[in-house]
Amino acid sequence: MKQTNEKRYSFAKETIARLLKNKLAVFGMFVLCVLVLTAVFADHIAPYAYDEMDLLNAYQPPNSEHIFGTDEFGRDIFSRVVYGSRISLKVGFIAVGISVVAGGLLGAVAGYYGGWTDNLIMRAVSERRGSTTMTIFSGLSENALMIFFAFGIWWLTQELLPQ
């Protein structure tokens, strides 16, 4: 039996090595970690409670006591941003979870049955993606020109660009 001098790496080590070579991925992971740590340790990071009001300090500009300033009720904006990171993460994880479950189920059904069922699911998902773009653009203005612009953008993204 012939022996080779090649080092064997596990799949996890190869994946981590490839991830570390991508600078944008590392930066994104860093930002995500900072956001998660901020949400987890919000009670220790925020200098004030998110709902603590001080009407005497309303509309304060950023200063040494209030890093981001205060709002109309004298609440510290930095504290509210720190506590708000918890809600942002919950919404994000729930949205991704729903997408993964729905996509997994639709993909499994399309893969199992194939044929016209696969085509129907593919067309419905593609239409839903395009109609979301149209709804966003047409909802920005009641101007008819904006609606035509939305249809044009939708058509470009659906028909001309590779999927």
N, C-alpha and C. Protein backbone atom coordinates (compact mmCIF):
# COMPACT_ATOMS: atom_id res chain seq x y z
N MET A 1 0.83 -1.17 0.00
CA MET A 1 0.00 0.00 0.00
C MET A 1 0.88 1.24 0.00
N LYS A 2 0.56 2.19 -0.88
CA LYS A 2 1.37 3.38 -1.03
C LYS A 2 0.92 4.46 -0.04
N GLN A 3 1.88 5.03 0.67
CA GLN A 3 1.56 6.09 1.62
C GLN A 3 1.84 7.44 0.97
N THR A 4 0.99 8.39 1.30
CA THR A 4 1.19 9.75 0.78
C THR A 4 1.52 10.67 1.94
N ASN A 5 2.23 11.72 1.62
CA ASN A 5 2.61 12.68 2.64
C ASN A 5 1.62 13.85 2.75
N GLU A 6 0.48 13.73 2.07
CA GLU A 6 -0.51 14.81 2.12
C GLU A 6 -1.16 14.87 3.49
N LYS A 7 -1.33 16.09 3.96
CA LYS A 7 -2.03 16.26 5.23
C LYS A 7 -3.52 16.20 4.96
N ARG A 8 -4.22 15.56 5.84
CA ARG A 8 -5.67 15.48 5.70
C ARG A 8 -6.31 16.40 6.72
N TYR A 9 -7.21 17.23 6.22
CA TYR A 9 -7.92 18.17 7.08
C TYR A 9 -9.39 17.77 7.13
N SER A 10 -9.99 18.10 8.22
CA SER A 10 -11.42 17.82 8.33
C SER A 10 -12.20 18.85 7.52
N PHE A 11 -13.43 18.54 7.24
CA PHE A 11 -14.29 19.45 6.49
C PHE A 11 -14.44 20.77 7.23
N ALA A 12 -14.57 20.73 8.55
CA ALA A 12 -14.73 21.94 9.35
C ALA A 12 -13.48 22.83 9.25
N LYS A 13 -12.31 22.24 9.34
CA LYS A 13 -11.07 23.02 9.25
C LYS A 13 -10.93 23.67 7.89
N GLU A 14 -11.27 22.94 6.82
CA GLU A 14 -11.19 23.51 5.48
C GLU A 14 -12.17 24.65 5.31
N THR A 15 -13.35 24.48 5.85
CA THR A 15 -14.37 25.53 5.75
C THR A 15 -13.94 26.78 6.50
N ILE A 16 -13.41 26.62 7.69
CA ILE A 16 -12.95 27.77 8.48
C ILE A 16 -11.78 28.45 7.78
N ALA A 17 -10.88 27.69 7.21
CA ALA A 17 -9.74 28.27 6.50
C ALA A 17 -10.20 29.09 5.30
N ARG A 18 -11.18 28.57 4.55
CA ARG A 18 -11.72 29.32 3.41
C ARG A 18 -12.46 30.56 3.88
N LEU A 19 -13.17 30.47 4.98
CA LEU A 19 -13.90 31.61 5.52
C LEU A 19 -12.94 32.71 5.94
N LEU A 20 -11.86 32.35 6.58
CA LEU A 20 -10.89 33.34 7.06
C LEU A 20 -10.15 34.04 5.92
N LYS A 21 -10.12 33.44 4.74
CA LYS A 21 -9.49 34.09 3.59
C LYS A 21 -10.37 35.18 3.00
N ASN A 22 -11.67 35.12 3.24
CA ASN A 22 -12.61 36.10 2.71
C ASN A 22 -12.76 37.24 3.72
N LYS A 23 -12.19 38.39 3.40
CA LYS A 23 -12.18 39.52 4.35
C LYS A 23 -13.57 40.06 4.65
N LEU A 24 -14.44 40.10 3.64
CA LEU A 24 -15.79 40.59 3.87
C LEU A 24 -16.58 39.65 4.77
N ALA A 25 -16.37 38.36 4.62
CA ALA A 25 -17.05 37.39 5.47
C ALA A 25 -16.58 37.53 6.92
N VAL A 26 -15.29 37.74 7.10
CA VAL A 26 -14.75 37.92 8.45
C VAL A 26 -15.31 39.20 9.08
N PHE A 27 -15.37 40.28 8.28
CA PHE A 27 -15.93 41.53 8.78
C PHE A 27 -17.41 41.37 9.14
N GLY A 28 -18.17 40.67 8.29
CA GLY A 28 -19.58 40.42 8.57
C GLY A 28 -19.76 39.60 9.84
N MET A 29 -18.91 38.61 10.03
CA MET A 29 -18.99 37.80 11.25
C MET A 29 -18.65 38.63 12.48
N PHE A 30 -17.69 39.52 12.34
CA PHE A 30 -17.32 40.41 13.44
C PHE A 30 -18.50 41.31 13.82
N VAL A 31 -19.15 41.91 12.81
CA VAL A 31 -20.30 42.79 13.07
C VAL A 31 -21.42 41.99 13.72
N LEU A 32 -21.68 40.78 13.23
CA LEU A 32 -22.72 39.94 13.81
C LEU A 32 -22.41 39.59 15.26
N CYS A 33 -21.16 39.26 15.53
CA CYS A 33 -20.75 38.93 16.91
C CYS A 33 -20.91 40.14 17.83
N VAL A 34 -20.53 41.32 17.36
CA VAL A 34 -20.69 42.53 18.16
C VAL A 34 -22.17 42.78 18.44
N LEU A 35 -23.02 42.60 17.44
CA LEU A 35 -24.46 42.81 17.62
C LEU A 35 -25.03 41.81 18.61
N VAL A 36 -24.65 40.55 18.49
CA VAL A 36 -25.15 39.52 19.42
C VAL A 36 -24.67 39.80 20.84
N LEU A 37 -23.40 40.13 20.99
CA LEU A 37 -22.88 40.43 22.33
C LEU A 37 -23.55 41.67 22.92
N THR A 38 -23.82 42.67 22.08
CA THR A 38 -24.52 43.86 22.55
C THR A 38 -25.92 43.51 23.04
N ALA A 39 -26.60 42.65 22.29
CA ALA A 39 -27.95 42.25 22.69
C ALA A 39 -27.94 41.43 23.98
N VAL A 40 -26.98 40.53 24.08
CA VAL A 40 -26.92 39.67 25.27
C VAL A 40 -26.57 40.46 26.53
N PHE A 41 -25.61 41.38 26.41
CA PHE A 41 -25.15 42.13 27.57
C PHE A 41 -25.71 43.55 27.62
N ALA A 42 -26.90 43.76 27.06
CA ALA A 42 -27.50 45.09 27.01
C ALA A 42 -27.68 45.69 28.40
N ASP A 43 -28.01 44.87 29.38
CA ASP A 43 -28.20 45.39 30.74
C ASP A 43 -26.91 45.97 31.32
N HIS A 44 -25.77 45.45 30.88
CA HIS A 44 -24.49 45.92 31.40
C HIS A 44 -23.88 47.03 30.54
N ILE A 45 -24.25 47.09 29.27
CA ILE A 45 -23.68 48.09 28.37
C ILE A 45 -24.41 49.41 28.46
N ALA A 46 -25.74 49.35 28.47
CA ALA A 46 -26.54 50.58 28.45
C ALA A 46 -26.42 51.32 29.79
N PRO A 47 -26.13 52.62 29.74
CA PRO A 47 -25.97 53.36 30.99
C PRO A 47 -27.29 53.68 31.68
N TYR A 48 -28.40 53.63 30.95
CA TYR A 48 -29.72 53.93 31.50
C TYR A 48 -30.69 52.86 31.06
N ALA A 49 -31.82 52.77 31.75
CA ALA A 49 -32.89 51.88 31.31
C ALA A 49 -33.49 52.46 30.03
N TYR A 50 -34.00 51.58 29.16
CA TYR A 50 -34.49 52.05 27.87
C TYR A 50 -35.73 52.94 28.00
N ASP A 51 -36.47 52.81 29.10
CA ASP A 51 -37.68 53.60 29.27
C ASP A 51 -37.56 54.68 30.35
N GLU A 52 -36.37 54.91 30.85
CA GLU A 52 -36.15 55.92 31.89
C GLU A 52 -36.25 57.33 31.29
N MET A 53 -37.19 58.12 31.81
CA MET A 53 -37.42 59.47 31.28
C MET A 53 -36.87 60.53 32.24
N ASP A 54 -36.34 61.58 31.64
CA ASP A 54 -35.85 62.74 32.38
C ASP A 54 -36.21 63.98 31.56
N LEU A 55 -37.39 64.54 31.82
CA LEU A 55 -37.90 65.64 31.00
C LEU A 55 -37.02 66.89 31.05
N LEU A 56 -36.23 67.01 32.10
CA LEU A 56 -35.33 68.17 32.18
C LEU A 56 -34.18 68.07 31.18
N ASN A 57 -33.88 66.87 30.71
CA ASN A 57 -32.79 66.66 29.75
C ASN A 57 -33.31 66.31 28.35
N ALA A 58 -34.50 66.78 28.01
CA ALA A 58 -35.06 66.48 26.69
C ALA A 58 -34.26 67.19 25.61
N TYR A 59 -34.14 66.53 24.45
CA TYR A 59 -33.46 67.07 23.27
C TYR A 59 -32.01 67.48 23.53
N GLN A 60 -31.32 66.74 24.37
CA GLN A 60 -29.91 67.04 24.61
C GLN A 60 -29.08 66.54 23.43
N PRO A 61 -28.13 67.32 22.98
CA PRO A 61 -27.24 66.82 21.93
C PRO A 61 -26.26 65.80 22.53
N PRO A 62 -25.55 65.08 21.69
CA PRO A 62 -24.57 64.12 22.23
C PRO A 62 -23.56 64.83 23.14
N ASN A 63 -23.31 64.23 24.29
CA ASN A 63 -22.35 64.78 25.24
C ASN A 63 -21.75 63.63 26.04
N SER A 64 -20.97 63.94 27.05
CA SER A 64 -20.29 62.88 27.82
C SER A 64 -21.28 62.05 28.64
N GLU A 65 -22.42 62.62 29.00
CA GLU A 65 -23.40 61.89 29.80
C GLU A 65 -24.33 61.05 28.92
N HIS A 66 -24.68 61.57 27.76
CA HIS A 66 -25.56 60.87 26.82
C HIS A 66 -24.84 60.81 25.47
N ILE A 67 -24.26 59.66 25.16
CA ILE A 67 -23.38 59.51 23.99
C ILE A 67 -24.09 59.88 22.69
N PHE A 68 -25.35 59.44 22.51
CA PHE A 68 -26.12 59.77 21.30
C PHE A 68 -27.11 60.89 21.55
N GLY A 69 -27.12 61.47 22.73
CA GLY A 69 -28.08 62.52 23.08
C GLY A 69 -29.35 61.92 23.67
N THR A 70 -30.40 62.76 23.76
CA THR A 70 -31.68 62.31 24.31
C THR A 70 -32.81 62.70 23.36
N ASP A 71 -33.95 62.04 23.54
CA ASP A 71 -35.11 62.33 22.69
C ASP A 71 -36.03 63.34 23.38
N GLU A 72 -37.25 63.48 22.86
CA GLU A 72 -38.17 64.48 23.38
C GLU A 72 -38.64 64.23 24.80
N PHE A 73 -38.48 63.01 25.30
CA PHE A 73 -38.85 62.69 26.67
C PHE A 73 -37.64 62.58 27.60
N GLY A 74 -36.47 62.90 27.10
CA GLY A 74 -35.26 62.84 27.90
C GLY A 74 -34.69 61.43 28.04
N ARG A 75 -35.16 60.50 27.22
CA ARG A 75 -34.64 59.13 27.27
C ARG A 75 -33.32 59.08 26.52
N ASP A 76 -32.38 58.33 27.06
CA ASP A 76 -31.06 58.19 26.45
C ASP A 76 -31.17 57.37 25.17
N ILE A 77 -30.77 57.94 24.05
CA ILE A 77 -30.90 57.27 22.75
C ILE A 77 -29.94 56.09 22.64
N PHE A 78 -28.73 56.21 23.17
CA PHE A 78 -27.79 55.09 23.12
C PHE A 78 -28.36 53.87 23.83
N SER A 79 -28.96 54.07 24.99
CA SER A 79 -29.56 52.94 25.73
C SER A 79 -30.68 52.30 24.93
N ARG A 80 -31.46 53.12 24.26
CA ARG A 80 -32.57 52.60 23.46
C ARG A 80 -32.05 51.83 22.24
N VAL A 81 -30.95 52.29 21.65
CA VAL A 81 -30.35 51.57 20.52
C VAL A 81 -29.80 50.21 20.99
N VAL A 82 -29.14 50.21 22.14
CA VAL A 82 -28.57 48.96 22.66
C VAL A 82 -29.68 47.96 22.96
N TYR A 83 -30.74 48.39 23.63
CA TYR A 83 -31.85 47.48 23.92
C TYR A 83 -32.60 47.11 22.64
N GLY A 84 -32.63 48.01 21.67
CA GLY A 84 -33.29 47.72 20.40
C GLY A 84 -32.59 46.64 19.60
N SER A 85 -31.30 46.43 19.86
CA SER A 85 -30.59 45.37 19.15
C SER A 85 -31.19 44.00 19.47
N ARG A 86 -31.78 43.85 20.65
CA ARG A 86 -32.42 42.58 20.99
C ARG A 86 -33.61 42.32 20.07
N ILE A 87 -34.41 43.34 19.87
CA ILE A 87 -35.59 43.20 19.02
C ILE A 87 -35.16 42.94 17.57
N SER A 88 -34.13 43.65 17.12
CA SER A 88 -33.65 43.46 15.75
C SER A 88 -33.18 42.03 15.52
N LEU A 89 -32.46 41.49 16.47
CA LEU A 89 -31.99 40.11 16.33
C LEU A 89 -33.15 39.12 16.35
N LYS A 90 -34.13 39.34 17.23
CA LYS A 90 -35.29 38.44 17.27
C LYS A 90 -36.02 38.45 15.94
N VAL A 91 -36.28 39.63 15.41
CA VAL A 91 -36.99 39.74 14.14
C VAL A 91 -36.18 39.06 13.04
N GLY A 92 -34.89 39.31 13.00
CA GLY A 92 -34.05 38.71 11.97
C GLY A 92 -34.02 37.19 12.04
N PHE A 93 -33.83 36.65 13.23
CA PHE A 93 -33.77 35.20 13.37
C PHE A 93 -35.11 34.55 13.08
N ILE A 94 -36.20 35.19 13.50
CA ILE A 94 -37.53 34.62 13.21
C ILE A 94 -37.79 34.64 11.71
N ALA A 95 -37.45 35.74 11.04
CA ALA A 95 -37.66 35.83 9.59
C ALA A 95 -36.82 34.79 8.85
N VAL A 96 -35.58 34.62 9.25
CA VAL A 96 -34.73 33.61 8.60
C VAL A 96 -35.26 32.21 8.89
N GLY A 97 -35.71 31.98 10.11
CA GLY A 97 -36.26 30.67 10.45
C GLY A 97 -37.49 30.31 9.63
N ILE A 98 -38.39 31.29 9.48
CA ILE A 98 -39.58 31.05 8.66
C ILE A 98 -39.19 30.79 7.22
N SER A 99 -38.24 31.56 6.71
CA SER A 99 -37.79 31.37 5.32
C SER A 99 -37.17 30.01 5.11
N VAL A 100 -36.37 29.57 6.06
CA VAL A 100 -35.70 28.27 5.94
C VAL A 100 -36.74 27.14 5.96
N VAL A 101 -37.70 27.22 6.87
CA VAL A 101 -38.72 26.17 6.95
C VAL A 101 -39.59 26.16 5.70
N ALA A 102 -40.06 27.34 5.30
CA ALA A 102 -40.93 27.41 4.11
C ALA A 102 -40.16 26.99 2.86
N GLY A 103 -38.95 27.49 2.70
CA GLY A 103 -38.14 27.11 1.54
C GLY A 103 -37.80 25.64 1.52
N GLY A 104 -37.50 25.11 2.69
CA GLY A 104 -37.19 23.68 2.78
C GLY A 104 -38.38 22.81 2.41
N LEU A 105 -39.55 23.19 2.92
CA LEU A 105 -40.76 22.41 2.60
C LEU A 105 -41.11 22.52 1.12
N LEU A 106 -41.08 23.74 0.58
CA LEU A 106 -41.39 23.92 -0.84
C LEU A 106 -40.36 23.19 -1.71
N GLY A 107 -39.09 23.28 -1.34
CA GLY A 107 -38.06 22.58 -2.10
C GLY A 107 -38.21 21.07 -2.03
N ALA A 108 -38.58 20.56 -0.87
CA ALA A 108 -38.78 19.12 -0.73
C ALA A 108 -39.96 18.64 -1.57
N VAL A 109 -41.05 19.39 -1.55
CA VAL A 109 -42.22 19.01 -2.35
C VAL A 109 -41.88 19.09 -3.84
N ALA A 110 -41.22 20.18 -4.25
CA ALA A 110 -40.85 20.34 -5.66
C ALA A 110 -39.88 19.24 -6.10
N GLY A 111 -38.93 18.89 -5.25
CA GLY A 111 -37.97 17.86 -5.58
C GLY A 111 -38.58 16.47 -5.61
N TYR A 112 -39.51 16.21 -4.70
CA TYR A 112 -40.12 14.88 -4.62
C TYR A 112 -41.05 14.62 -5.80
N TYR A 113 -41.94 15.58 -6.09
CA TYR A 113 -42.93 15.38 -7.14
C TYR A 113 -42.40 15.76 -8.52
N GLY A 114 -41.59 16.82 -8.60
CA GLY A 114 -41.02 17.23 -9.89
C GLY A 114 -42.09 17.63 -10.89
N GLY A 115 -41.72 17.68 -12.16
CA GLY A 115 -42.67 17.95 -13.24
C GLY A 115 -43.43 19.25 -13.09
N TRP A 116 -44.75 19.15 -13.28
CA TRP A 116 -45.57 20.37 -13.24
C TRP A 116 -45.63 20.95 -11.83
N THR A 117 -45.52 20.13 -10.80
CA THR A 117 -45.52 20.64 -9.42
C THR A 117 -44.29 21.50 -9.18
N ASP A 118 -43.15 21.02 -9.65
CA ASP A 118 -41.91 21.79 -9.54
C ASP A 118 -42.04 23.12 -10.29
N ASN A 119 -42.58 23.07 -11.51
CA ASN A 119 -42.77 24.29 -12.30
C ASN A 119 -43.72 25.26 -11.62
N LEU A 120 -44.81 24.74 -11.07
CA LEU A 120 -45.78 25.60 -10.39
C LEU A 120 -45.17 26.29 -9.18
N ILE A 121 -44.45 25.54 -8.37
CA ILE A 121 -43.80 26.12 -7.18
C ILE A 121 -42.75 27.14 -7.60
N MET A 122 -41.96 26.79 -8.63
CA MET A 122 -40.93 27.71 -9.11
C MET A 122 -41.55 29.02 -9.59
N ARG A 123 -42.63 28.95 -10.37
CA ARG A 123 -43.29 30.15 -10.89
C ARG A 123 -43.90 30.97 -9.75
N ALA A 124 -44.51 30.31 -8.77
CA ALA A 124 -45.13 31.03 -7.66
C ALA A 124 -44.08 31.76 -6.83
N VAL A 125 -42.97 31.12 -6.57
CA VAL A 125 -41.91 31.75 -5.79
C VAL A 125 -41.29 32.90 -6.58
N SER A 126 -41.06 32.70 -7.86
CA SER A 126 -40.50 33.75 -8.70
C SER A 126 -41.45 34.95 -8.78
N GLU A 127 -42.73 34.70 -8.92
CA GLU A 127 -43.72 35.78 -8.97
C GLU A 127 -43.78 36.52 -7.65
N ARG A 128 -43.71 35.80 -6.57
CA ARG A 128 -43.76 36.43 -5.24
C ARG A 128 -42.55 37.35 -5.06
N ARG A 129 -41.39 36.90 -5.50
CA ARG A 129 -40.19 37.73 -5.38
C ARG A 129 -40.31 39.01 -6.20
N GLY A 130 -40.85 38.90 -7.40
CA GLY A 130 -41.02 40.06 -8.26
C GLY A 130 -42.10 40.99 -7.77
N SER A 131 -43.20 40.45 -7.26
CA SER A 131 -44.29 41.30 -6.80
C SER A 131 -43.90 42.09 -5.57
N THR A 132 -43.00 41.57 -4.77
CA THR A 132 -42.51 42.31 -3.61
C THR A 132 -41.78 43.56 -4.06
N THR A 133 -40.93 43.44 -5.07
CA THR A 133 -40.22 44.59 -5.60
C THR A 133 -41.20 45.62 -6.15
N MET A 134 -42.20 45.16 -6.88
CA MET A 134 -43.19 46.08 -7.44
C MET A 134 -43.97 46.79 -6.34
N THR A 135 -44.34 46.07 -5.31
CA THR A 135 -45.11 46.66 -4.21
C THR A 135 -44.30 47.73 -3.50
N ILE A 136 -43.04 47.47 -3.27
CA ILE A 136 -42.19 48.44 -2.58
C ILE A 136 -42.07 49.71 -3.41
N PHE A 137 -41.76 49.57 -4.69
CA PHE A 137 -41.58 50.76 -5.53
C PHE A 137 -42.89 51.51 -5.74
N SER A 138 -43.98 50.80 -5.98
CA SER A 138 -45.24 51.49 -6.24
C SER A 138 -45.80 52.11 -4.97
N GLY A 139 -45.44 51.60 -3.81
CA GLY A 139 -45.91 52.17 -2.55
C GLY A 139 -45.18 53.44 -2.16
N LEU A 140 -44.07 53.75 -2.82
CA LEU A 140 -43.31 54.95 -2.47
C LEU A 140 -44.01 56.23 -2.91
N SER A 141 -44.84 56.13 -3.92
CA SER A 141 -45.46 57.34 -4.45
C SER A 141 -46.77 57.00 -5.13
N GLU A 142 -47.68 57.95 -5.13
CA GLU A 142 -48.93 57.76 -5.85
C GLU A 142 -48.79 58.23 -7.29
N ASN A 143 -47.62 58.67 -7.66
CA ASN A 143 -47.34 59.16 -8.99
C ASN A 143 -47.34 57.99 -9.98
N ALA A 144 -48.05 58.14 -11.09
CA ALA A 144 -48.12 57.07 -12.08
C ALA A 144 -46.76 56.77 -12.68
N LEU A 145 -45.91 57.79 -12.82
CA LEU A 145 -44.58 57.58 -13.38
C LEU A 145 -43.78 56.63 -12.50
N MET A 146 -43.94 56.75 -11.19
CA MET A 146 -43.22 55.89 -10.26
C MET A 146 -43.69 54.44 -10.41
N ILE A 147 -44.98 54.25 -10.66
CA ILE A 147 -45.51 52.89 -10.83
C ILE A 147 -44.94 52.27 -12.11
N PHE A 148 -44.87 53.05 -13.19
CA PHE A 148 -44.26 52.54 -14.42
C PHE A 148 -42.79 52.22 -14.21
N PHE A 149 -42.11 53.03 -13.45
CA PHE A 149 -40.71 52.78 -13.11
C PHE A 149 -40.58 51.46 -12.35
N ALA A 150 -41.52 51.22 -11.43
CA ALA A 150 -41.50 49.98 -10.65
C ALA A 150 -41.68 48.77 -11.56
N PHE A 151 -42.61 48.85 -12.51
CA PHE A 151 -42.79 47.74 -13.44
C PHE A 151 -41.54 47.51 -14.28
N GLY A 152 -40.90 48.60 -14.69
CA GLY A 152 -39.68 48.47 -15.47
C GLY A 152 -38.57 47.79 -14.69
N ILE A 153 -38.37 48.21 -13.45
CA ILE A 153 -37.35 47.59 -12.60
C ILE A 153 -37.69 46.12 -12.37
N TRP A 154 -38.95 45.83 -12.11
CA TRP A 154 -39.37 44.45 -11.88
C TRP A 154 -39.06 43.61 -13.12
N TRP A 155 -39.41 44.12 -14.30
CA TRP A 155 -39.16 43.38 -15.52
C TRP A 155 -37.68 43.13 -15.73
N LEU A 156 -36.86 44.16 -15.46
CA LEU A 156 -35.41 43.99 -15.61
C LEU A 156 -34.87 42.92 -14.69
N THR A 157 -35.30 42.95 -13.43
CA THR A 157 -34.77 41.99 -12.47
C THR A 157 -35.26 40.57 -12.75
N GLN A 158 -36.45 40.43 -13.33
CA GLN A 158 -36.99 39.10 -13.56
C GLN A 158 -36.59 38.49 -14.89
N GLU A 159 -36.48 39.33 -15.92
CA GLU A 159 -36.30 38.80 -17.26
C GLU A 159 -34.88 38.90 -17.80
N LEU A 160 -34.20 40.00 -17.50
CA LEU A 160 -32.90 40.22 -18.13
C LEU A 160 -31.72 39.73 -17.31
N LEU A 161 -31.81 39.88 -15.99
CA LEU A 161 -30.67 39.50 -15.15
C LEU A 161 -30.69 38.00 -14.88
N PRO A 162 -29.53 37.36 -14.88
CA PRO A 162 -29.52 35.91 -14.60
C PRO A 162 -29.91 35.65 -13.16
N GLN A 163 -30.66 34.61 -12.96
CA GLN A 163 -31.16 34.28 -11.62
C GLN A 163 -30.20 33.34 -10.92
